[in-house]
Amino acid sequence: MVSAAALTAAGVHGVVQEAPDAGGPAFTSWPLLTVLAVLPAAVAALLVYRGRSATAAGVLIGVAALAPGRALADVQFAVDSSRATRPEFLVPGSVGADPSWIGLLLLLTGHIAAVVAGVLAVRASTALPDDGQAPEAGSRAVGMASVVVALALAVGLLMPPYVSADANLLDNSALDGPLLVVLGVLACGLGAVVAVVIALSERSWGRFTGVLAGVAVAGVAIALPNLAAAVVRPWLSATAGPIVVLVAAVALLGVPVVGTVASRRESSAAGPSSRNLYVAAGVLALLAAIGAVVGSGQPLVRTATGGAAALSDAQVWLIPAGVVYGLLGVGMLVPRLAPLVRPAVAVAWVGVVLASGPALQLAVSAPDVLVDSTTGAGALWIAFAVAAAALAAGCAVTAGVMERDGTAEVTSPAVLRWLALTTAVVAAGTFVFSAVGTTDQYRGVALVHPLDVAFGGALVSAVVVVGALALVPWSRPARAAGTLVGVLCVLLVRMLEPFLVSAAVGTGAWLAVGCAVLTLVLLSLTFRHGRAKSDR
């Protein structure tokens, strides 16, 4: 209640000083901010009234997971309000706006109180009985689906919150904004994912679903004001970021319900859910391939007159990435091949993300240089390809978790584990260093480069590939082989980068070649291990 009262007061009072030509909110935002401030406490109180105290505690924990990041981003008002990218509080005027210390203190107090409430809820919930009923089967699939949706919410937070035609109101994404906003949004995204992952380790189904609801409510509180401002003001345009967050929030609320229904159906029929997920993953992978190939030939930015203003030599890199993933999608639609191809689909999607980075970075940065320019069809097709690839991977991962329910743990020989570890280390280096040599026209994709969209693609690729290799020794031989095929697909896309952009071969490409050789050796050992087990 303290958090709700403080955030409400901050919304009514404002966080910047009122002065002529200093600017103000883009719209009358305090009613919406009041609703969003009161919503977590109201939901928790309603749950307690209905006898679901553990679920109510989970709601407070989920909200608290994003509160530190929100507070860190709000400190930007104290440093430079004009760069806070918060239209619900300020559209800067002709002069700089000074912070209202009372309003800012109330705002930060609200976030701190939310953190305190979450900590108290964690302590109290350990003594509360479970007030939820977990599905009879497939609970691991529900948990994995929740993690995938939380990742989607985090990605939505990283995207630009709106497109502004007002020169005073910035529309930076979390990857190119001021440092405090960058760190704050990253902390929010990380908090959402970590909260869901930790909740999975709890035995209380009520608290788990409560955490999902709390993360969803906090995500809505961040995204909805940006979307409302874009709807109310003609000089603001909505972007995919807040929409992705809102859709992910709804999905977080619906995942437990859908999982329970699917579990009940699966108990009466032999696993139709997995087959449906195979088909969904295959269709989405094909759509991702189409988006990547079509986007490779379309302009990334257009001028106000409709002419193409920006193309990138790196767009051709999307063609092999799309074709490879499309072929895996076809395999998912063949019933006999689908179980074998599924692990590859769960890994190879990052090849599309990796190849999309340079093109999307150009689409994001070009409007800052070109006056009266808009997003071109190429950027939209590429963004569609990335989204479809991520959803395909989510379906594949969820199907894999459902298949693993009830199976015994798998262990592999020490030599295979050490080789997998070595391969993972080399794979990390593949994305740390650039695959292209020094060139003035093309910088390449690498983690040693400054933070931008291409850096994000390299980071996601490194995490997924290294994580997949780490799981290989503890996977069944057939599934491990499919995972390694997915890794090889990503490495192939990586190795093609310098040749497709007509640049010299860099360190990252040579490491990709070495990693591919190690992966092939690992694949051979996996087959031998599987054959030896079958002969016993």
Protein backbone atom coordinates (compact mmCIF):
# COMPACT_ATOMS: atom_id res chain seq x y z
CA MET A 1 0.00 0.00 0.00
CA VAL A 2 2.90 2.36 0.70
CA SER A 3 4.25 1.73 -2.81
CA ALA A 4 0.83 2.35 -4.37
CA ALA A 5 0.36 5.59 -2.41
CA ALA A 6 3.83 6.92 -3.23
CA LEU A 7 3.62 6.11 -6.95
CA THR A 8 0.14 7.63 -7.13
CA ALA A 9 1.34 10.81 -5.43
CA ALA A 10 4.32 11.00 -7.78
CA GLY A 11 2.04 10.70 -10.80
CA VAL A 12 -0.27 13.44 -9.53
CA HIS A 13 2.52 15.77 -8.39
CA GLY A 14 4.87 15.18 -11.32
CA VAL A 15 8.60 14.59 -11.31
CA VAL A 16 9.68 17.79 -13.10
CA GLN A 17 9.21 21.40 -12.07
CA GLU A 18 6.46 23.31 -13.80
CA ALA A 19 7.85 26.34 -15.61
CA PRO A 20 7.10 28.24 -18.85
CA ASP A 21 8.68 26.57 -21.88
CA ALA A 22 9.96 23.71 -19.71
CA GLY A 23 7.51 21.18 -21.08
CA GLY A 24 5.18 18.74 -19.38
CA PRO A 25 3.48 15.36 -19.81
CA ALA A 26 2.43 14.34 -23.31
CA PHE A 27 -1.09 13.70 -22.02
CA THR A 28 -3.07 13.78 -18.80
CA SER A 29 -1.34 10.73 -17.45
CA TRP A 30 -2.05 10.78 -13.72
CA PRO A 31 -5.31 8.72 -13.96
CA LEU A 32 -3.52 5.95 -15.84
CA LEU A 33 -0.49 6.11 -13.56
CA THR A 34 -2.80 5.89 -10.55
CA VAL A 35 -4.45 2.73 -11.86
CA LEU A 36 -1.08 1.15 -12.64
CA ALA A 37 0.26 2.10 -9.20
CA VAL A 38 -2.70 0.67 -7.30
CA LEU A 39 -3.09 -2.48 -9.44
CA PRO A 40 -0.47 -4.72 -7.72
CA ALA A 41 -1.76 -3.96 -4.23
CA ALA A 42 -5.37 -4.38 -5.36
CA VAL A 43 -4.67 -7.76 -6.98
CA ALA A 44 -2.77 -8.98 -3.91
CA ALA A 45 -5.54 -7.81 -1.56
CA LEU A 46 -8.19 -9.53 -3.66
CA LEU A 47 -6.22 -12.78 -3.64
CA VAL A 48 -5.82 -12.64 0.14
CA TYR A 49 -9.56 -12.02 0.49
CA ARG A 50 -10.22 -15.13 -1.61
CA GLY A 51 -7.90 -17.22 0.57
CA ARG A 52 -4.96 -17.36 -1.84
CA SER A 53 -2.24 -15.82 0.28
CA ALA A 54 0.63 -17.70 -1.40
CA THR A 55 -0.45 -16.46 -4.81
CA ALA A 56 -0.73 -12.92 -3.44
CA ALA A 57 2.82 -13.18 -2.10
CA GLY A 58 3.96 -14.28 -5.54
CA VAL A 59 2.37 -11.19 -7.12
CA LEU A 60 4.34 -8.91 -4.79
CA ILE A 61 7.54 -10.86 -5.50
CA GLY A 62 7.06 -10.53 -9.27
CA VAL A 63 6.45 -6.78 -9.03
CA ALA A 64 9.49 -6.37 -6.78
CA ALA A 65 11.73 -8.14 -9.31
CA LEU A 66 11.34 -5.24 -11.77
CA ALA A 67 11.27 -2.43 -9.20
CA PRO A 68 15.07 -1.92 -8.88
CA GLY A 69 15.41 -1.50 -12.64
CA ARG A 70 12.49 0.93 -12.74
CA ALA A 71 14.05 2.95 -9.93
CA LEU A 72 17.44 3.04 -11.68
CA ALA A 73 15.85 4.31 -14.90
CA ASP A 74 13.90 6.96 -12.98
CA VAL A 75 17.12 8.36 -11.46
CA GLN A 76 17.72 9.74 -14.97
CA PHE A 77 15.29 12.54 -14.08
CA ALA A 78 17.80 13.76 -11.50
CA VAL A 79 20.68 13.66 -14.01
CA ASP A 80 19.03 14.94 -17.21
CA SER A 81 15.24 14.91 -17.47
CA SER A 82 15.28 15.65 -21.21
CA ARG A 83 16.81 12.22 -21.91
CA ALA A 84 14.49 10.18 -19.70
CA THR A 85 12.25 9.08 -22.64
CA ARG A 86 9.15 9.15 -20.43
CA PRO A 87 6.29 10.97 -22.20
CA GLU A 88 3.88 10.28 -19.33
CA PHE A 89 6.02 12.61 -17.21
CA LEU A 90 7.76 14.98 -19.59
CA VAL A 91 7.97 16.20 -23.17
CA PRO A 92 10.90 18.64 -22.90
CA GLY A 93 10.23 22.21 -23.95
CA SER A 94 12.55 24.85 -25.34
CA VAL A 95 14.51 24.95 -22.08
CA GLY A 96 15.78 22.19 -19.88
CA ALA A 97 13.36 20.90 -17.25
CA ASP A 98 14.61 20.70 -13.69
CA PRO A 99 13.50 17.74 -11.58
CA SER A 100 10.89 18.15 -8.90
CA TRP A 101 12.70 16.58 -5.98
CA ILE A 102 9.49 15.91 -4.07
CA GLY A 103 7.92 14.08 -7.00
CA LEU A 104 11.12 12.20 -7.78
CA LEU A 105 11.52 11.20 -4.14
CA LEU A 106 7.95 9.90 -4.10
CA LEU A 107 8.60 7.95 -7.30
CA LEU A 108 11.74 6.31 -5.95
CA THR A 109 10.06 5.66 -2.60
CA GLY A 110 7.31 3.77 -4.42
CA HIS A 111 9.85 1.50 -6.10
CA ILE A 112 11.81 0.97 -2.87
CA ALA A 113 8.60 0.12 -1.02
CA ALA A 114 7.77 -2.43 -3.75
CA VAL A 115 11.16 -4.09 -3.20
CA VAL A 116 10.59 -4.18 0.57
CA ALA A 117 7.14 -5.69 0.05
CA GLY A 118 8.64 -8.34 -2.20
CA VAL A 119 11.29 -9.26 0.37
CA LEU A 120 8.66 -9.53 3.11
CA ALA A 121 6.50 -11.62 0.79
CA VAL A 122 9.39 -14.04 0.19
CA ARG A 123 9.88 -14.50 3.92
CA ALA A 124 6.17 -14.88 4.64
CA SER A 125 5.43 -17.22 1.75
CA THR A 126 7.78 -19.92 3.06
CA ALA A 127 5.27 -20.60 5.85
CA LEU A 128 2.17 -20.39 3.66
CA PRO A 129 0.52 -23.54 2.30
CA ASP A 130 0.26 -23.94 -1.46
CA ASP A 131 -3.06 -22.55 -2.67
CA GLY A 132 -2.75 -23.59 -6.30
CA GLN A 133 -3.14 -26.87 -8.15
CA ALA A 134 -0.38 -27.83 -10.53
CA PRO A 135 -1.25 -29.68 -13.76
CA GLU A 136 -1.06 -33.44 -13.53
CA ALA A 137 1.51 -33.60 -16.32
CA GLY A 138 3.60 -31.19 -18.33
CA SER A 139 4.39 -28.79 -15.47
CA ARG A 140 7.97 -28.54 -16.74
CA ALA A 141 6.66 -27.52 -20.15
CA VAL A 142 4.54 -24.84 -18.51
CA GLY A 143 7.58 -23.58 -16.66
CA MET A 144 9.76 -23.51 -19.78
CA ALA A 145 7.04 -21.73 -21.74
CA SER A 146 6.89 -19.15 -18.97
CA VAL A 147 10.63 -18.54 -19.25
CA VAL A 148 10.34 -18.11 -23.03
CA VAL A 149 7.51 -15.60 -22.58
CA ALA A 150 9.53 -13.73 -19.92
CA LEU A 151 12.40 -13.52 -22.42
CA ALA A 152 9.98 -12.07 -24.98
CA LEU A 153 8.89 -9.48 -22.41
CA ALA A 154 12.53 -8.58 -21.78
CA VAL A 155 13.16 -8.20 -25.52
CA GLY A 156 10.12 -5.92 -25.80
CA LEU A 157 11.54 -3.72 -23.05
CA LEU A 158 14.80 -3.38 -25.01
CA MET A 159 13.03 -2.15 -28.14
CA PRO A 160 12.27 1.56 -28.81
CA PRO A 161 9.22 2.63 -26.76
CA TYR A 162 7.80 4.85 -29.51
CA VAL A 163 8.77 6.89 -32.57
CA SER A 164 8.81 10.63 -31.93
CA ALA A 165 8.45 13.42 -34.47
CA ASP A 166 9.28 15.95 -31.73
CA ALA A 167 12.95 16.86 -31.77
CA ASN A 168 12.93 17.40 -28.01
CA LEU A 169 11.54 13.97 -27.13
CA LEU A 170 14.03 11.19 -27.79
CA ASP A 171 12.88 7.73 -28.89
CA ASN A 172 15.99 5.74 -28.04
CA SER A 173 15.85 2.03 -27.44
CA ALA A 174 17.51 0.55 -24.37
CA LEU A 175 20.56 -0.17 -26.52
CA ASP A 176 21.36 3.44 -27.44
CA GLY A 177 19.87 5.56 -24.66
CA PRO A 178 21.52 7.23 -21.64
CA LEU A 179 23.45 4.95 -19.33
CA LEU A 180 20.99 4.98 -16.42
CA VAL A 181 18.06 4.16 -18.71
CA VAL A 182 20.08 1.39 -20.39
CA LEU A 183 21.04 -0.15 -17.06
CA GLY A 184 17.52 0.26 -15.70
CA VAL A 185 15.79 -1.41 -18.61
CA LEU A 186 18.37 -4.21 -18.70
CA ALA A 187 17.78 -4.73 -14.97
CA CYS A 188 14.02 -4.89 -15.58
CA GLY A 189 14.39 -7.48 -18.31
CA LEU A 190 16.86 -9.53 -16.29
CA GLY A 191 14.66 -9.26 -13.22
CA ALA A 192 11.64 -10.57 -15.12
CA VAL A 193 13.52 -13.61 -16.42
CA VAL A 194 15.30 -14.37 -13.14
CA ALA A 195 12.07 -14.08 -11.14
CA VAL A 196 10.35 -16.63 -13.38
CA VAL A 197 13.34 -18.99 -13.35
CA ILE A 198 13.64 -18.88 -9.55
CA ALA A 199 9.89 -19.37 -9.18
CA LEU A 200 10.24 -22.60 -11.17
CA SER A 201 12.38 -24.06 -8.40
CA GLU A 202 9.60 -23.60 -5.85
CA ARG A 203 7.14 -26.34 -5.08
CA SER A 204 4.31 -23.89 -4.50
CA TRP A 205 2.24 -23.70 -7.68
CA GLY A 206 0.29 -20.78 -6.22
CA ARG A 207 3.40 -18.70 -5.64
CA PHE A 208 4.71 -19.59 -9.11
CA THR A 209 1.54 -18.35 -10.83
CA GLY A 210 1.58 -15.29 -8.59
CA VAL A 211 5.11 -14.40 -9.67
CA LEU A 212 4.02 -14.67 -13.30
CA ALA A 213 1.13 -12.31 -12.60
CA GLY A 214 3.39 -9.86 -10.75
CA VAL A 215 5.92 -9.75 -13.59
CA ALA A 216 3.04 -9.23 -16.04
CA VAL A 217 1.60 -6.35 -14.00
CA ALA A 218 5.00 -4.67 -13.71
CA GLY A 219 5.62 -5.07 -17.44
CA VAL A 220 2.25 -3.48 -18.23
CA ALA A 221 3.09 -0.55 -15.94
CA ILE A 222 6.22 0.12 -18.00
CA ALA A 223 4.78 -0.35 -21.49
CA LEU A 224 1.22 0.96 -21.29
CA PRO A 225 2.05 4.68 -20.73
CA ASN A 226 4.23 4.71 -23.87
CA LEU A 227 1.48 3.09 -25.91
CA ALA A 228 -1.14 5.46 -24.49
CA ALA A 229 1.02 8.47 -25.37
CA ALA A 230 1.41 7.20 -28.94
CA VAL A 231 -2.35 6.77 -29.27
CA VAL A 232 -3.19 10.22 -27.87
CA ARG A 233 -0.54 12.33 -29.58
CA PRO A 234 -0.28 12.38 -33.41
CA TRP A 235 3.42 13.23 -33.29
CA LEU A 236 4.12 9.99 -31.46
CA SER A 237 3.88 6.64 -33.24
CA ALA A 238 3.54 3.25 -31.60
CA THR A 239 6.29 0.68 -32.04
CA ALA A 240 6.46 -3.05 -31.57
CA GLY A 241 8.23 -2.80 -28.19
CA PRO A 242 5.29 -1.94 -25.90
CA ILE A 243 3.00 -4.23 -27.89
CA VAL A 244 5.40 -7.15 -27.41
CA VAL A 245 5.51 -6.42 -23.67
CA LEU A 246 1.71 -6.30 -23.40
CA VAL A 247 1.28 -9.52 -25.40
CA ALA A 248 3.93 -11.22 -23.25
CA ALA A 249 2.16 -10.01 -20.11
CA VAL A 250 -1.11 -11.54 -21.27
CA ALA A 251 0.74 -14.73 -22.18
CA LEU A 252 2.30 -14.92 -18.70
CA LEU A 253 -1.18 -14.83 -17.23
CA GLY A 254 -2.43 -17.45 -19.67
CA VAL A 255 0.45 -19.94 -19.68
CA PRO A 256 -0.59 -21.78 -16.48
CA VAL A 257 -4.20 -22.01 -17.68
CA VAL A 258 -3.22 -23.30 -21.12
CA GLY A 259 -0.74 -25.74 -19.55
CA THR A 260 -3.39 -27.16 -17.25
CA VAL A 261 -5.85 -27.63 -20.11
CA ALA A 262 -3.18 -29.22 -22.30
CA SER A 263 -2.20 -31.53 -19.46
CA ARG A 264 -5.76 -32.75 -19.04
CA ARG A 265 -6.09 -33.40 -22.77
CA GLU A 266 -2.75 -35.18 -22.85
CA SER A 267 -3.82 -37.50 -20.05
CA SER A 268 -6.72 -38.74 -22.21
CA ALA A 269 -4.86 -38.89 -25.54
CA ALA A 270 -1.31 -39.85 -26.45
CA GLY A 271 0.47 -36.53 -26.52
CA PRO A 272 -1.31 -34.38 -29.12
CA SER A 273 0.28 -31.29 -27.55
CA SER A 274 3.77 -32.25 -28.71
CA ARG A 275 2.61 -32.89 -32.26
CA ASN A 276 0.82 -29.57 -32.37
CA LEU A 277 3.97 -27.83 -31.14
CA TYR A 278 6.00 -29.57 -33.87
CA VAL A 279 3.67 -28.22 -36.54
CA ALA A 280 3.65 -24.74 -34.98
CA ALA A 281 7.45 -24.67 -34.82
CA GLY A 282 7.73 -25.82 -38.44
CA VAL A 283 5.29 -23.21 -39.75
CA LEU A 284 6.91 -20.43 -37.75
CA ALA A 285 10.38 -21.47 -38.95
CA LEU A 286 9.18 -21.30 -42.55
CA LEU A 287 7.65 -17.87 -41.92
CA ALA A 288 10.95 -16.74 -40.42
CA ALA A 289 12.78 -17.97 -43.51
CA ILE A 290 10.38 -16.10 -45.79
CA GLY A 291 10.76 -12.91 -43.76
CA ALA A 292 14.56 -13.13 -43.81
CA VAL A 293 14.81 -13.79 -47.56
CA VAL A 294 12.27 -11.13 -48.52
CA GLY A 295 13.76 -8.62 -46.10
CA SER A 296 17.22 -9.13 -47.60
CA GLY A 297 16.15 -7.31 -50.77
CA GLN A 298 13.91 -4.57 -49.39
CA PRO A 299 14.99 -1.06 -48.28
CA LEU A 300 15.55 -0.63 -44.57
CA VAL A 301 14.62 3.06 -44.55
CA ARG A 302 12.42 5.17 -46.82
CA THR A 303 12.21 8.92 -47.25
CA ALA A 304 8.99 10.86 -46.81
CA THR A 305 8.55 10.83 -50.61
CA GLY A 306 8.62 7.03 -50.68
CA GLY A 307 12.09 6.51 -52.12
CA ALA A 308 14.55 3.97 -50.77
CA ALA A 309 17.02 5.77 -48.52
CA ALA A 310 19.09 2.99 -46.99
CA LEU A 311 20.21 -0.46 -48.00
CA SER A 312 22.91 -2.57 -46.41
CA ASP A 313 25.48 -4.87 -47.94
CA ALA A 314 24.93 -7.11 -44.92
CA GLN A 315 21.33 -7.86 -45.93
CA VAL A 316 22.53 -10.64 -48.23
CA TRP A 317 23.71 -12.45 -45.09
CA LEU A 318 20.04 -13.03 -44.24
CA ILE A 319 19.55 -15.33 -47.23
CA PRO A 320 21.61 -18.33 -46.02
CA ALA A 321 20.38 -17.79 -42.46
CA GLY A 322 16.78 -17.90 -43.65
CA VAL A 323 17.28 -20.82 -46.02
CA VAL A 324 18.97 -22.96 -43.36
CA TYR A 325 16.25 -22.29 -40.83
CA GLY A 326 13.55 -22.85 -43.43
CA LEU A 327 14.94 -26.30 -44.23
CA LEU A 328 14.80 -27.19 -40.56
CA GLY A 329 11.21 -25.95 -40.52
CA VAL A 330 10.36 -28.34 -43.34
CA GLY A 331 11.85 -31.17 -41.27
CA MET A 332 9.55 -30.24 -38.38
CA LEU A 333 6.53 -30.80 -40.63
CA VAL A 334 7.62 -34.39 -41.44
CA PRO A 335 6.33 -36.60 -38.59
CA ARG A 336 9.27 -39.03 -38.67
CA LEU A 337 11.88 -36.28 -38.74
CA ALA A 338 10.27 -33.83 -36.33
CA PRO A 339 11.55 -35.37 -33.05
CA LEU A 340 15.10 -35.44 -34.44
CA VAL A 341 15.01 -31.95 -35.96
CA ARG A 342 13.33 -30.29 -32.97
CA PRO A 343 16.58 -29.67 -30.97
CA ALA A 344 18.18 -28.10 -34.05
CA VAL A 345 15.23 -25.70 -34.45
CA ALA A 346 15.59 -24.73 -30.79
CA VAL A 347 19.20 -23.65 -31.41
CA ALA A 348 19.49 -22.55 -35.06
CA TRP A 349 17.03 -19.65 -34.69
CA VAL A 350 19.86 -17.47 -33.40
CA GLY A 351 21.41 -17.66 -36.88
CA VAL A 352 18.53 -15.47 -38.06
CA VAL A 353 19.05 -13.13 -35.09
CA LEU A 354 22.79 -12.93 -35.77
CA ALA A 355 22.36 -12.07 -39.45
CA SER A 356 19.61 -9.55 -38.70
CA GLY A 357 21.71 -7.43 -36.36
CA PRO A 358 23.63 -5.22 -38.83
CA ALA A 359 20.55 -4.55 -40.97
CA LEU A 360 18.34 -3.65 -38.03
CA GLN A 361 21.07 -1.45 -36.56
CA LEU A 362 21.13 0.55 -39.81
CA ALA A 363 17.34 0.82 -39.75
CA VAL A 364 17.46 2.12 -36.17
CA SER A 365 20.28 4.62 -36.69
CA ALA A 366 19.44 5.93 -40.18
CA PRO A 367 16.45 8.10 -39.13
CA ASP A 368 18.77 10.01 -36.79
CA VAL A 369 20.79 11.12 -39.82
CA LEU A 370 18.18 11.25 -42.58
CA VAL A 371 15.49 13.88 -42.14
CA ASP A 372 11.86 12.90 -42.81
CA SER A 373 12.66 9.20 -43.08
CA THR A 374 10.55 6.25 -42.00
CA THR A 375 11.09 2.56 -41.42
CA GLY A 376 11.32 0.65 -44.69
CA ALA A 377 9.75 -2.63 -45.66
CA GLY A 378 13.05 -4.45 -45.25
CA ALA A 379 13.31 -3.63 -41.55
CA LEU A 380 9.73 -4.75 -40.96
CA TRP A 381 10.27 -8.06 -42.78
CA ILE A 382 13.51 -8.68 -40.85
CA ALA A 383 11.88 -7.87 -37.51
CA PHE A 384 9.07 -10.26 -38.44
CA ALA A 385 11.65 -12.96 -39.24
CA VAL A 386 13.34 -12.53 -35.85
CA ALA A 387 10.02 -12.70 -34.01
CA ALA A 388 8.87 -15.78 -35.93
CA ALA A 389 12.22 -17.52 -35.37
CA ALA A 390 12.04 -16.83 -31.63
CA LEU A 391 8.49 -18.18 -31.43
CA ALA A 392 9.50 -21.29 -33.40
CA ALA A 393 12.33 -21.88 -30.94
CA GLY A 394 9.94 -21.40 -28.05
CA CYS A 395 7.58 -24.05 -29.45
CA ALA A 396 10.50 -26.42 -30.01
CA VAL A 397 11.87 -25.92 -26.49
CA THR A 398 8.44 -26.38 -24.91
CA ALA A 399 7.91 -29.60 -26.86
CA GLY A 400 11.31 -30.83 -25.71
CA VAL A 401 10.52 -30.19 -22.06
CA MET A 402 7.23 -32.06 -22.44
CA GLU A 403 9.09 -35.01 -23.97
CA ARG A 404 11.56 -35.04 -21.12
CA ASP A 405 8.90 -35.23 -18.39
CA GLY A 406 9.19 -38.56 -16.59
CA THR A 407 12.41 -39.67 -18.29
CA ALA A 408 15.52 -40.68 -16.41
CA GLU A 409 18.53 -38.39 -16.17
CA VAL A 410 21.24 -38.96 -18.79
CA THR A 411 24.98 -38.96 -18.13
CA SER A 412 27.78 -39.17 -20.67
CA PRO A 413 31.42 -40.28 -20.54
CA ALA A 414 33.95 -37.83 -19.15
CA VAL A 415 35.66 -37.41 -22.53
CA LEU A 416 32.41 -36.22 -24.07
CA ARG A 417 31.80 -33.75 -21.24
CA TRP A 418 35.30 -32.27 -21.49
CA LEU A 419 35.04 -32.01 -25.27
CA ALA A 420 31.68 -30.27 -24.96
CA LEU A 421 33.21 -27.79 -22.50
CA THR A 422 36.14 -27.09 -24.83
CA THR A 423 33.79 -26.61 -27.77
CA ALA A 424 31.66 -24.20 -25.73
CA VAL A 425 34.72 -22.08 -24.89
CA VAL A 426 35.72 -21.87 -28.55
CA ALA A 427 32.11 -21.08 -29.48
CA ALA A 428 32.12 -18.15 -27.08
CA GLY A 429 35.22 -16.78 -28.79
CA THR A 430 33.47 -17.09 -32.13
CA PHE A 431 31.06 -14.35 -31.10
CA VAL A 432 33.45 -12.31 -28.96
CA PHE A 433 35.67 -11.50 -31.94
CA SER A 434 34.56 -10.19 -35.32
CA ALA A 435 34.33 -12.60 -38.24
CA VAL A 436 35.44 -9.90 -40.68
CA GLY A 437 38.69 -7.99 -40.99
CA THR A 438 39.04 -4.24 -40.70
CA THR A 439 36.93 -2.38 -43.25
CA ASP A 440 35.43 1.10 -43.51
CA GLN A 441 32.14 -0.09 -44.98
CA TYR A 442 31.24 -2.91 -42.60
CA ARG A 443 32.16 -3.35 -38.95
CA GLY A 444 30.96 -6.90 -38.39
CA VAL A 445 29.10 -8.47 -35.49
CA ALA A 446 31.05 -9.11 -32.30
CA LEU A 447 30.88 -8.66 -28.55
CA VAL A 448 34.04 -6.52 -28.59
CA HIS A 449 32.11 -3.82 -30.47
CA PRO A 450 30.03 -1.06 -28.83
CA LEU A 451 26.55 -1.80 -27.49
CA ASP A 452 23.96 -1.74 -30.28
CA VAL A 453 21.46 -4.02 -32.04
CA ALA A 454 24.21 -6.09 -33.71
CA PHE A 455 25.90 -6.53 -30.32
CA GLY A 456 22.59 -7.84 -28.97
CA GLY A 457 22.44 -10.41 -31.77
CA ALA A 458 25.96 -11.60 -30.98
CA LEU A 459 25.15 -11.81 -27.28
CA VAL A 460 21.99 -13.86 -27.81
CA SER A 461 23.82 -16.17 -30.22
CA ALA A 462 26.68 -16.72 -27.79
CA VAL A 463 24.36 -17.49 -24.88
CA VAL A 464 22.21 -19.94 -26.86
CA VAL A 465 25.10 -21.77 -28.56
CA VAL A 466 27.20 -22.07 -25.41
CA GLY A 467 24.14 -23.15 -23.41
CA ALA A 468 23.22 -25.76 -26.02
CA LEU A 469 26.73 -27.24 -25.98
CA ALA A 470 26.63 -27.35 -22.18
CA LEU A 471 23.43 -29.42 -22.31
CA VAL A 472 24.72 -31.96 -24.84
CA PRO A 473 26.39 -34.35 -22.33
CA TRP A 474 23.17 -34.57 -20.33
CA SER A 475 20.87 -35.13 -23.30
CA ARG A 476 19.74 -38.37 -24.90
CA PRO A 477 22.00 -39.24 -27.87
CA ALA A 478 19.40 -38.54 -30.56
CA ARG A 479 18.46 -35.20 -28.99
CA ALA A 480 22.13 -34.31 -28.44
CA ALA A 481 22.82 -34.98 -32.11
CA GLY A 482 19.96 -32.67 -33.11
CA THR A 483 21.32 -29.97 -30.81
CA LEU A 484 24.77 -30.25 -32.39
CA VAL A 485 23.24 -29.97 -35.86
CA GLY A 486 21.62 -26.72 -34.73
CA VAL A 487 24.99 -25.47 -33.48
CA LEU A 488 26.58 -26.35 -36.84
CA CYS A 489 23.86 -24.35 -38.62
CA VAL A 490 24.68 -21.27 -36.56
CA LEU A 491 28.42 -21.72 -37.13
CA LEU A 492 27.81 -22.03 -40.88
CA VAL A 493 25.98 -18.71 -40.89
CA ARG A 494 28.82 -17.19 -38.90
CA MET A 495 31.50 -18.48 -41.29
CA LEU A 496 29.68 -17.09 -44.33
CA GLU A 497 29.62 -13.51 -43.00
CA PRO A 498 32.98 -12.26 -44.40
CA PHE A 499 32.41 -13.84 -47.82
CA LEU A 500 28.91 -12.41 -48.24
CA VAL A 501 29.93 -8.86 -47.29
CA SER A 502 33.15 -9.03 -49.35
CA ALA A 503 35.48 -8.52 -46.41
CA ALA A 504 38.63 -10.17 -45.14
CA VAL A 505 38.28 -13.18 -42.88
CA GLY A 506 38.58 -12.23 -39.23
CA THR A 507 39.37 -14.04 -36.00
CA GLY A 508 35.72 -14.90 -35.31
CA ALA A 509 35.38 -16.76 -38.60
CA TRP A 510 38.52 -18.83 -37.99
CA LEU A 511 37.27 -19.68 -34.51
CA ALA A 512 33.95 -20.69 -36.07
CA VAL A 513 35.80 -23.11 -38.35
CA GLY A 514 37.64 -24.62 -35.40
CA CYS A 515 34.43 -24.82 -33.40
CA ALA A 516 32.69 -26.57 -36.30
CA VAL A 517 35.46 -29.20 -36.40
CA LEU A 518 35.14 -29.79 -32.65
CA THR A 519 31.36 -29.99 -33.00
CA LEU A 520 31.69 -32.65 -35.71
CA VAL A 521 33.99 -34.66 -33.45
CA LEU A 522 31.51 -34.25 -30.63
CA LEU A 523 28.73 -35.39 -32.94
CA SER A 524 30.69 -38.50 -33.85
CA LEU A 525 31.30 -39.34 -30.20
CA THR A 526 27.63 -38.80 -29.46
CA PHE A 527 26.65 -41.32 -32.13
CA ARG A 528 29.16 -43.83 -30.76
CA HIS A 529 27.86 -43.34 -27.23
CA GLY A 530 24.30 -43.85 -28.40
CA ARG A 531 25.21 -46.98 -30.34
CA ALA A 532 27.09 -48.38 -27.35
CA LYS A 533 24.06 -47.86 -25.10
CA SER A 534 21.75 -49.55 -27.60
CA ASP A 535 24.05 -52.59 -27.79
CA ARG A 536 23.95 -53.13 -24.02
